Each structure stands twice: as C-alpha cells, then as structure tokens.
Protein backbone atom coordinates (compact mmCIF):
# COMPACT_ATOMS: atom_id res chain seq x y z
CA UNK A 1 69.31 57.96 -38.20
CA UNK A 2 68.39 54.70 -36.46
CA UNK A 3 65.07 54.57 -34.58
CA UNK A 4 64.42 52.20 -31.68
CA UNK A 5 61.52 49.74 -31.94
CA UNK A 6 60.21 49.48 -28.39
CA UNK A 7 57.52 47.54 -26.54
CA UNK A 8 54.48 49.85 -26.29
CA UNK A 9 52.11 50.23 -23.36
CA UNK A 10 50.22 46.95 -23.24
CA UNK A 11 47.21 47.88 -21.15
CA UNK A 12 46.02 47.73 -17.58
CA UNK A 13 47.91 45.24 -15.35
CA UNK A 14 50.06 43.92 -18.25
CA UNK A 15 53.76 44.57 -17.72
CA UNK A 16 55.44 42.06 -20.03
CA UNK A 17 54.90 40.13 -23.25
CA UNK A 18 56.44 37.40 -25.38
CA UNK A 19 57.87 38.04 -28.83
CA UNK A 20 55.65 35.89 -31.01
CA UNK A 21 56.88 36.34 -34.59
CA UNK A 22 58.87 38.87 -36.57
CA UNK A 23 56.89 39.90 -39.65
CA UNK A 24 59.87 41.74 -41.14
CA UNK A 25 63.49 40.64 -41.31
CA UNK A 26 66.79 42.59 -41.27
CA UNK A 27 67.23 44.30 -44.61
CA UNK A 28 63.50 44.47 -45.36
CA UNK A 29 62.16 47.84 -46.49
CA UNK A 30 59.18 49.01 -44.44
CA UNK A 31 56.69 51.85 -44.73
CA UNK A 32 55.31 53.86 -41.84
CA UNK A 33 52.47 51.85 -40.29
CA UNK A 34 53.77 48.44 -41.40
CA UNK A 35 53.50 45.68 -38.80
CA UNK A 36 56.99 44.66 -37.69
CA UNK A 37 56.55 42.09 -34.92
CA UNK A 38 53.78 40.31 -33.03
CA UNK A 39 53.70 40.39 -29.24
CA UNK A 40 51.77 37.86 -27.17
CA UNK A 41 50.29 38.91 -23.83
CA UNK A 42 48.19 36.96 -21.36
CA UNK A 43 45.03 38.66 -22.69
CA UNK A 44 45.45 39.64 -26.35
CA UNK A 45 48.04 39.53 -29.10
CA UNK A 46 49.10 42.79 -30.72
CA UNK A 47 51.39 44.10 -33.43
CA UNK A 48 54.17 46.68 -33.12
CA UNK A 49 54.11 49.00 -36.14
CA UNK A 50 56.82 51.07 -37.77
CA UNK A 51 56.56 54.74 -36.82
CA UNK A 52 58.66 55.87 -39.82
CA UNK A 53 59.63 54.51 -43.22
CA UNK A 54 63.03 52.91 -43.64
CA UNK A 55 64.79 49.56 -43.35
CA UNK A 56 64.73 47.03 -40.52
CA UNK A 57 68.36 47.22 -39.45
CA UNK A 58 68.59 44.93 -36.44
CA UNK A 59 66.53 42.45 -34.39
CA UNK A 60 67.51 42.51 -30.71
CA UNK A 61 64.82 40.26 -29.26
CA UNK A 62 64.32 36.86 -30.85
CA UNK A 63 61.03 35.01 -31.09
CA UNK A 64 60.06 33.53 -27.71
CA UNK A 65 61.88 36.18 -25.68
CA UNK A 66 60.09 37.79 -22.73
CA UNK A 67 60.11 41.59 -22.94
CA UNK A 68 58.96 44.44 -20.70
CA UNK A 69 57.24 47.71 -21.56
CA UNK A 70 59.73 50.15 -23.12
CA UNK A 71 62.34 47.48 -23.90
CA UNK A 72 64.06 47.74 -27.29
CA UNK A 73 62.99 45.06 -29.75
CA UNK A 74 65.12 46.16 -32.70
CA UNK A 75 66.44 49.08 -34.72
CA UNK A 76 64.92 50.76 -37.77
CA UNK A 77 67.13 52.78 -40.14
CA UNK A 78 65.25 55.81 -41.45
CA UNK A 79 65.52 57.22 -44.96
CA UNK A 80 65.72 55.89 -48.50
CA UNK A 81 69.45 55.24 -48.96
CA UNK A 82 69.55 52.01 -47.01
CA UNK A 83 66.20 50.99 -48.44
CA UNK A 84 67.67 51.05 -51.95
CA UNK A 85 70.70 49.04 -50.84
CA UNK A 86 68.52 46.43 -49.21
CA UNK A 87 66.09 46.19 -52.14
CA UNK A 88 67.70 43.13 -53.85
CA UNK A 89 67.89 41.21 -50.58
CA UNK A 90 64.35 42.21 -49.68
CA UNK A 91 63.10 41.15 -53.11
CA UNK A 92 64.81 37.77 -52.76
CA UNK A 93 63.36 37.27 -49.31
CA UNK A 94 59.89 38.20 -50.55
CA UNK A 95 60.20 35.71 -53.40
CA UNK A 96 61.18 32.99 -50.95
CA UNK A 97 58.17 33.67 -48.71
CA UNK A 98 55.09 31.46 -49.23
CA UNK A 99 52.01 33.06 -50.72
CA UNK A 100 50.39 32.94 -47.29
CA UNK A 101 52.66 35.80 -46.20
CA UNK A 102 51.08 38.24 -48.66
CA UNK A 103 48.86 41.04 -47.44
CA UNK A 104 45.26 39.90 -46.82
CA UNK A 105 42.26 41.31 -48.65
CA UNK A 106 40.67 42.33 -45.34
CA UNK A 107 41.76 42.96 -41.73
CA UNK A 108 42.97 39.92 -39.83
CA UNK A 109 44.84 38.86 -36.69
CA UNK A 110 48.25 37.29 -35.94
CA UNK A 111 46.60 33.93 -35.19
CA UNK A 112 44.79 33.93 -38.53
CA UNK A 113 47.96 34.86 -40.46
CA UNK A 114 49.81 32.07 -38.69
CA UNK A 115 47.08 29.59 -39.66
CA UNK A 116 47.21 30.81 -43.27
CA UNK A 117 50.97 30.28 -43.37
CA UNK A 118 50.63 26.78 -41.90
CA UNK A 119 47.92 25.85 -44.42
CA UNK A 120 49.67 27.57 -47.37
CA UNK A 121 46.66 29.80 -48.03
CA UNK A 122 47.06 33.10 -49.90
CA UNK A 123 45.25 35.62 -47.70
CA UNK A 124 44.73 37.88 -50.72
CA UNK A 125 42.26 35.29 -52.02
CA UNK A 126 40.28 34.96 -48.77
CA UNK A 127 37.03 36.88 -48.34
CA UNK A 128 36.46 37.81 -44.69
CA UNK A 129 33.14 36.92 -43.05
CA UNK A 130 33.80 38.75 -39.78
CA UNK A 131 32.90 42.29 -38.76
CA UNK A 132 34.10 44.93 -41.27
CA UNK A 133 35.32 42.19 -43.61
CA UNK A 134 37.74 40.73 -41.02
CA UNK A 135 39.25 37.41 -42.10
CA UNK A 136 38.67 34.66 -39.52
CA UNK A 137 40.36 31.30 -39.03
CA UNK A 138 37.21 29.61 -40.36
CA UNK A 139 37.58 31.59 -43.60
CA UNK A 140 41.17 30.38 -43.97
CA UNK A 141 40.25 26.75 -43.24
CA UNK A 142 37.36 26.92 -45.73
CA UNK A 143 39.73 28.04 -48.49
CA UNK A 144 42.31 25.42 -47.49
CA UNK A 145 39.67 22.68 -47.76
CA UNK A 146 38.88 23.51 -51.41
CA UNK A 147 40.73 21.02 -53.67
CA UNK A 148 43.31 22.67 -55.90
CA UNK A 149 43.98 21.49 -59.46
CA UNK A 150 47.22 19.56 -59.78
CA UNK A 151 49.84 21.25 -61.95
CA UNK A 152 50.98 19.30 -65.01
CA UNK A 153 54.54 18.03 -64.77
CA UNK A 154 56.98 16.56 -67.37
CA UNK A 155 57.01 12.76 -67.51
CA UNK A 156 60.63 12.59 -66.40
CA UNK A 157 59.85 14.63 -63.32
CA UNK A 158 56.63 12.76 -62.56
CA UNK A 159 58.45 9.43 -62.57
CA UNK A 160 61.30 10.65 -60.41
CA UNK A 161 61.26 9.78 -56.68
CA UNK A 162 60.04 12.56 -54.41
CA UNK A 163 62.71 14.66 -52.77
CA UNK A 164 62.43 16.47 -49.42
CA UNK A 165 62.20 19.78 -51.30
CA UNK A 166 59.08 18.54 -53.08
CA UNK A 167 57.10 18.06 -49.88
CA UNK A 168 54.05 20.40 -49.88
CA UNK A 169 54.36 23.25 -47.39
CA UNK A 170 51.22 22.21 -45.53
CA UNK A 171 52.66 18.71 -45.04
CA UNK A 172 55.96 20.15 -43.86
CA UNK A 173 54.15 22.40 -41.38
CA UNK A 174 52.69 19.40 -39.60
CA UNK A 175 55.61 17.00 -39.98
CA UNK A 176 56.31 15.30 -36.62
CA UNK A 177 59.52 16.17 -34.86
CA UNK A 178 62.07 13.35 -34.67
CA UNK A 179 62.32 11.84 -31.21
CA UNK A 180 65.06 9.62 -29.88
CA UNK A 181 64.91 7.51 -26.77
CA UNK A 182 63.84 3.94 -26.03
CA UNK A 183 62.74 3.42 -29.63
CA UNK A 184 65.35 5.20 -31.78
CA UNK A 185 64.05 3.41 -34.89
CA UNK A 186 60.69 5.17 -34.54
CA UNK A 187 59.95 8.86 -34.97
CA UNK A 188 56.96 11.09 -34.46
CA UNK A 189 55.99 9.62 -31.09
CA UNK A 190 56.20 13.00 -29.39
CA UNK A 191 55.92 16.63 -30.43
CA UNK A 192 57.17 19.57 -28.41
CA UNK A 193 55.26 22.87 -28.64
CA UNK A 194 56.09 26.15 -26.97
CA UNK A 195 53.26 27.36 -24.74
CA UNK A 196 51.86 30.71 -25.76
CA UNK A 197 51.85 33.61 -23.33
CA UNK A 198 48.07 33.21 -22.97
CA UNK A 199 48.30 29.48 -22.26
CA UNK A 200 51.05 30.04 -19.70
CA UNK A 201 48.90 32.64 -17.95
CA UNK A 202 45.83 30.40 -18.04
CA UNK A 203 47.83 27.60 -16.46
CA UNK A 204 49.23 29.85 -13.75
CA UNK A 205 45.93 31.51 -12.88
CA UNK A 206 44.00 28.23 -12.69
CA UNK A 207 46.53 26.77 -10.28
CA UNK A 208 46.47 29.99 -8.24
CA UNK A 209 42.67 29.87 -8.08
CA UNK A 210 42.76 26.36 -6.66
CA UNK A 211 45.53 27.14 -4.17
CA UNK A 212 44.30 30.53 -2.93
CA UNK A 213 40.52 30.05 -2.77
CA UNK A 214 38.48 27.61 -0.69
CA UNK A 215 36.63 26.46 -3.80
CA UNK A 216 33.58 24.24 -3.60
CA UNK A 217 30.86 23.38 -6.12
CA UNK A 218 27.14 22.82 -5.68
CA UNK A 219 24.80 21.36 -8.30
CA UNK A 220 21.18 21.45 -9.35
CA UNK A 221 19.14 20.64 -12.44
CA UNK A 222 16.77 22.79 -14.47
CA UNK A 223 13.69 21.87 -16.48
CA UNK A 224 14.07 24.06 -19.57
CA UNK A 225 10.63 23.31 -21.03
CA UNK A 226 9.33 26.85 -20.47
CA UNK A 227 12.45 28.52 -21.87
CA UNK A 228 12.42 26.28 -24.94
CA UNK A 229 8.73 27.07 -25.50
CA UNK A 230 9.38 30.83 -25.35
CA UNK A 231 12.25 30.50 -27.80
CA UNK A 232 10.15 28.47 -30.25
CA UNK A 233 7.26 30.90 -30.05
CA UNK A 234 9.32 34.12 -30.29
CA UNK A 235 12.35 32.99 -32.30
CA UNK A 236 11.42 34.30 -35.75
CA UNK A 237 9.88 37.58 -34.58
CA UNK A 238 12.81 38.22 -32.24
CA UNK A 239 15.42 37.73 -34.98
CA UNK A 240 13.46 39.81 -37.49
CA UNK A 241 13.16 42.67 -35.02
CA UNK A 242 16.63 42.61 -33.45
CA UNK A 243 18.81 40.89 -36.05
CA UNK A 244 20.09 38.30 -33.59
CA UNK A 245 18.86 34.88 -32.44
CA UNK A 246 17.16 34.38 -29.09
CA UNK A 247 19.54 31.98 -27.37
CA UNK A 248 19.86 30.46 -23.92
CA UNK A 249 22.56 32.85 -22.72
CA UNK A 250 20.23 35.83 -22.34
CA UNK A 251 17.91 33.80 -20.08
CA UNK A 252 20.83 32.54 -17.98
CA UNK A 253 22.42 36.00 -17.79
CA UNK A 254 19.14 37.59 -16.67
CA UNK A 255 18.58 34.87 -14.06
CA UNK A 256 22.17 35.19 -12.83
CA UNK A 257 21.94 38.97 -12.40
CA UNK A 258 18.72 38.55 -10.39
CA UNK A 259 20.39 35.96 -8.15
CA UNK A 260 23.46 38.20 -7.67
CA UNK A 261 21.21 41.01 -6.48
CA UNK A 262 19.56 38.64 -4.01
CA UNK A 263 22.90 37.16 -2.82
CA UNK A 264 25.48 39.97 -3.22
CA UNK A 265 28.40 38.06 -1.66
CA UNK A 266 28.68 36.15 -4.96
CA UNK A 267 29.22 39.47 -6.77
CA UNK A 268 32.24 40.41 -4.71
CA UNK A 269 35.95 39.87 -4.22
CA UNK A 270 38.40 39.68 -1.34
CA UNK A 271 41.01 42.43 -0.97
CA UNK A 272 43.24 41.78 2.01
CA UNK A 273 40.97 41.56 5.04
CA UNK A 274 38.08 43.30 3.28
CA UNK A 275 35.13 42.06 1.25
CA UNK A 276 34.34 44.36 -1.70
CA UNK A 277 30.66 44.06 -2.64
CA UNK A 278 30.00 45.28 -6.18
CA UNK A 279 26.76 47.04 -7.07
CA UNK A 280 27.33 46.70 -10.80
CA UNK A 281 26.95 43.56 -12.88
CA UNK A 282 29.63 43.00 -15.53
CA UNK A 283 29.14 39.38 -16.52
CA UNK A 284 32.02 37.46 -18.12
CA UNK A 285 31.05 34.95 -20.80
CA UNK A 286 33.69 32.24 -21.30
CA UNK A 287 34.56 31.69 -24.98
CA UNK A 288 36.84 28.98 -26.35
CA UNK A 289 39.39 30.03 -29.00
CA UNK A 290 42.33 28.37 -30.73
CA UNK A 291 44.67 30.12 -28.27
CA UNK A 292 42.71 29.00 -25.20
CA UNK A 293 39.79 30.18 -23.08
CA UNK A 294 39.06 33.91 -22.92
CA UNK A 295 36.36 35.67 -20.91
CA UNK A 296 35.07 38.84 -22.59
CA UNK A 297 32.75 40.90 -20.41
CA UNK A 298 29.16 42.05 -21.02
CA UNK A 299 29.11 45.44 -19.30
CA UNK A 300 26.08 46.52 -17.27
CA UNK A 301 24.18 43.30 -17.93
CA UNK A 302 21.50 44.41 -15.45
CA UNK A 303 20.64 47.37 -17.72
CA UNK A 304 20.34 45.32 -20.93
CA UNK A 305 17.23 43.63 -22.27
CA UNK A 306 17.27 40.17 -23.88
CA UNK A 307 18.19 41.58 -27.29
CA UNK A 308 20.98 43.74 -25.85
CA UNK A 309 22.51 40.75 -24.08
CA UNK A 310 22.32 38.52 -27.16
CA UNK A 311 23.82 41.25 -29.36
CA UNK A 312 26.66 41.90 -26.91
CA UNK A 313 27.49 38.19 -26.59
CA UNK A 314 27.38 37.63 -30.37
CA UNK A 315 29.72 40.56 -30.99
CA UNK A 316 32.19 39.49 -28.30
CA UNK A 317 32.17 35.85 -29.48
CA UNK A 318 32.89 36.92 -33.06
CA UNK A 319 35.71 39.18 -31.93
CA UNK A 320 37.15 36.33 -29.84
CA UNK A 321 37.11 33.89 -32.76
CA UNK A 322 38.68 36.40 -35.15
CA UNK A 323 41.34 37.53 -32.66
CA UNK A 324 39.96 41.08 -32.49
CA UNK A 325 39.30 41.31 -28.74
CA UNK A 326 40.74 44.37 -27.05
CA UNK A 327 42.01 44.71 -23.50
CA UNK A 328 38.88 46.68 -22.66
CA UNK A 329 36.73 43.72 -23.77
CA UNK A 330 38.50 41.50 -21.22
CA UNK A 331 38.99 43.91 -18.34
CA UNK A 332 37.21 43.39 -15.03
CA UNK A 333 34.11 41.26 -14.71
CA UNK A 334 32.24 40.54 -11.47
CA UNK A 335 30.91 37.04 -12.19
CA UNK A 336 31.40 34.47 -14.97
CA UNK A 337 29.13 32.09 -16.88
CA UNK A 338 30.66 29.18 -18.81
CA UNK A 339 28.81 26.78 -21.09
CA UNK A 340 30.46 23.39 -21.44
CA UNK A 341 27.27 22.05 -22.97
CA UNK A 342 28.24 23.34 -26.41
CA UNK A 343 31.02 20.72 -26.39
CA UNK A 344 28.79 17.94 -25.05
CA UNK A 345 29.63 18.19 -21.34
CA UNK A 346 26.95 16.72 -19.10
CA UNK A 347 28.44 17.70 -15.73
CA UNK A 348 31.57 19.54 -14.60
CA UNK A 349 33.02 21.70 -11.82
CA UNK A 350 34.05 25.08 -13.28
CA UNK A 351 37.12 26.79 -11.81
CA UNK A 352 36.85 30.30 -10.41
CA UNK A 353 38.02 33.21 -12.54
CA UNK A 354 40.01 35.07 -9.87
CA UNK A 355 39.48 37.48 -8.20
CA UNK A 356 35.81 36.63 -8.70
CA UNK A 357 34.23 34.40 -6.07
CA UNK A 358 31.58 32.70 -8.19
CA UNK A 359 31.15 31.04 -11.59
CA UNK A 360 28.05 29.38 -13.06
CA UNK A 361 28.49 26.33 -15.26
CA UNK A 362 25.93 25.36 -17.91
CA UNK A 363 25.86 21.89 -19.46
CA UNK A 364 24.23 19.87 -22.20
CA UNK A 365 20.46 19.59 -22.49
CA UNK A 366 19.13 16.04 -22.33
CA UNK A 367 15.59 14.75 -22.51
CA UNK A 368 15.14 12.73 -19.33
CA UNK A 369 12.17 11.21 -17.51
CA UNK A 370 11.26 13.11 -14.34
CA UNK A 371 8.36 13.01 -11.90
CA UNK A 372 5.89 15.91 -12.18
CA UNK A 373 2.82 15.87 -9.88
CA UNK A 374 3.04 12.13 -9.48
CA UNK A 375 3.47 11.38 -13.17
CA UNK A 376 6.57 10.46 -15.16
CA UNK A 377 7.15 12.86 -18.04
CA UNK A 378 10.06 13.50 -20.41
CA UNK A 379 11.51 17.00 -20.18
CA UNK A 380 14.61 18.82 -21.54
CA UNK A 381 16.85 18.89 -18.47
CA UNK A 382 20.18 20.59 -17.80
CA UNK A 383 22.55 20.18 -14.88
CA UNK A 384 23.91 23.49 -13.61
CA UNK A 385 26.88 24.00 -11.30
CA UNK A 386 27.99 26.88 -9.10
CA UNK A 387 31.61 27.00 -7.97
CA UNK A 388 32.20 29.50 -5.17
CA UNK A 389 34.82 30.72 -2.74
CA UNK A 390 33.82 29.33 0.65
CA UNK A 391 35.90 31.98 2.40
CA UNK A 392 33.08 34.52 1.97
CA UNK A 393 30.21 32.46 0.52
CA UNK A 394 28.48 30.03 2.86
CA UNK A 395 27.16 26.73 1.57
CA UNK A 396 23.56 27.68 2.27
CA UNK A 397 23.98 30.89 0.24
CA UNK A 398 25.38 28.98 -2.73
CA UNK A 399 22.52 26.47 -2.65
CA UNK A 400 19.90 29.23 -2.49
CA UNK A 401 21.63 31.18 -5.25
CA UNK A 402 21.51 28.19 -7.58
CA UNK A 403 17.90 27.47 -6.64
CA UNK A 404 17.04 31.11 -7.42
CA UNK A 405 18.52 30.69 -10.91
CA UNK A 406 16.62 27.40 -11.36
CA UNK A 407 13.26 28.89 -10.36
CA UNK A 408 13.59 31.84 -12.73
CA UNK A 409 14.51 29.60 -15.65
CA UNK A 410 11.63 27.23 -14.97
CA UNK A 411 9.23 30.21 -14.93
CA UNK A 412 10.84 32.78 -17.28
CA UNK A 413 7.87 35.15 -17.00
CA UNK A 414 9.43 36.22 -13.70
CA UNK A 415 12.43 37.50 -15.67
CA UNK A 416 10.13 39.73 -17.71
CA UNK A 417 8.42 41.01 -14.56
CA UNK A 418 11.81 41.87 -13.04
CA UNK A 419 12.64 43.91 -16.17
C-alpha cells in the first residue's frame, strides 16, 4: 500500500521550505529511517526520513520546488514485492553513483554530503572531528587535499586523447557553464547559481531591516590592553580548568549585557504601537557558514560566567560549521554581536537583526599610537560600532551605551565586580 511522503512540521514561524536534493530515486529500495530528501528552510536544512521500509515509487516535487507543511513530496510503496522487482535497477543506480554518495563513517549534514559529492570524497573514509564524531566540511576538504596515487593505464590508453567521459568528477563539478552573448566564441564568463532558501531569506530580511527601521550607527574605539593582559595571564589556567580558551567574546558579551541593563531600550523590540522591553538577555552571536550568516543564541547570558559563555559560543560555532544547528539554537535573541574582525574588517556598519533594535559590531585589533596622559604610546586598539533603531533609541542613548561597553573593556575588573 503506497504511503505519502509529506513535509513535516518545520519549527516555529517556518511555514514553507525548498526541496534541496533527493537522496533516493524512483525504484530505489529504502529501509525505515533512511533519509529520502533534503529540505532547505531559512534557518536550518533537514532531512525527511522514510517511516516504513519499501520502494520509492514516485517523486512529486522536484528539486528547487517550494513546498508547504503537510504537502506531499512523493510516494513510498510498502512491502518487499516491489523492492525485489526494483533491485536490479537500484543496483545499477548505486553502481553509477560516485563513491561520495556512500554512507559516512560518522554523522554529517546535507551541506557536508554535497561538498563530498562535489569533491569526489568517499565519506566512509572520512574521520569526523566534530561533536560525537560528526563529519565537518573541513574534514572533507582535508581528505580531498591529500594527493591520490595515479592509477596505471595501458600505453594505448595513455597516449589516446582525453574524452569528455575521462574528465575527473571534481573537475566536472566546477566546470563553467557555457554562456552566449556578445562574445559567443568565449565561454565561462558567467555562472548561474540558484540561491538557497537561507540566502533568499537573508537577502529579504536585510532589505526589510533597512526599509522598516530608522537605522543609524555610532562608533567608538577601545584600548584592549587590559583585556589582552588578563588573557595572557589567565589563558593557560583558564583552559586547563574549563577546557576552553579565554577569548574576546566573553568580555564583549559581559560588557554588552551590563550596558543592556543600563540602557534597556536596546534590549527591546517594537510590536505595533508598543515597545516590548525584555528583562532577559539572550545574546545572538553571528557566525559565518558556507550557506551564509547564521545567528545562534547564547541563552541567559547574564547568568553565565566567562567559562559558560566561552563554552556556549564554542559549541554553537561548531554546530554551525558542521550544519548541526537546530531551530531552538536560532530561535529568539534580544541583541546581536557580530565580529567582522576575524575576516580583517577595520570598520563597518552592521545591519540590524530584526526585530531586534541593536547590534554591536567588533572589528580587527590594530596597534596604533594614541595619547595617554600627554604621552604617545602604542596600544592594541579596536573600533566598535553600534547600529540601532532610531525609532525607539535616541542618539544620546546609543552613544552612552557604546561608551559603557568601552569603559568596561578598558577596565575589565569592573566586569568581575558586576558578577
């Protein structure tokens, strides 16, 4: 009896998804629990699994189609009769698949499997370095970078001109698309790529943030000498005790929470004609991934010590890079911190993460000469930026907020006194 393959509940506020890639094809035998198709949402990618054993009978939604919750993606024929009939075709299809399509040695994500297929890497041979042995994109790229011994070939074949079928799969994966136009004799001048569901949502939300909020940015600079001294002095003992490095983010998160308590209109949002002031501090930490920027949330940052913040950020960053973030990891958030300095940015104006009304931007640290008590000294300096919604945050409040953050970072003992 045929069973419908439907779009499952996708999580809070998510009502539709994009069909990313079918992992099984019509005629393939499947076992209960096998992944059938990948769905892309604006927050995370997920797999739809087979609820019963049988044969994939029909695909109703092609890759790239937009689907809603409960919509039928395909049909699964239950039982063993059709499985036996489809066995030869399934075996042929499996033989035609590249090694990258084989089951991985450890848990992985749709993005990682796609990278493995593009790079012609056999996931069975990849040892995962992520949590619980999860295979990450870096693991796949590391294996792909290892030179492989060339297979010996007969002299007649070696001297024959290369045919299109002999092109390595990794070269074919990145072959430029032919383009015609003003220069028909040239190809590869353009490449067309379909935007992922996440990238489409990022694009839409960033434009909405600029159109719907009265966004302004104020700047300041911070002398990080004291913070760097604390990190040098406590680095080894901190890591030995807590198992995580003492980074900059815990200092900035602590300083931000203190400033939000002093200036609560930056820890708020607008709902209709009301201002909703939030007395909890769930701080989003922007993380760059291959699929685009995501903002996992450190819950109750005001109740965490330095080690708790560093551990939470490290875990979320690893989950982001390995594609293991859940909807709960991304839900909510009252304020965001983004660090463009890790990419070399010296100064930028971060865009609000709606419906939040404030975002703090960190930048690169540079040793610069500054005047201290009438003398010129060289100090590690960082520009910081606060973008805010001027509809509910006055300019004077934004300037004082940023100065509050600056003063705490330049005298981090105050952060310890505040608990």
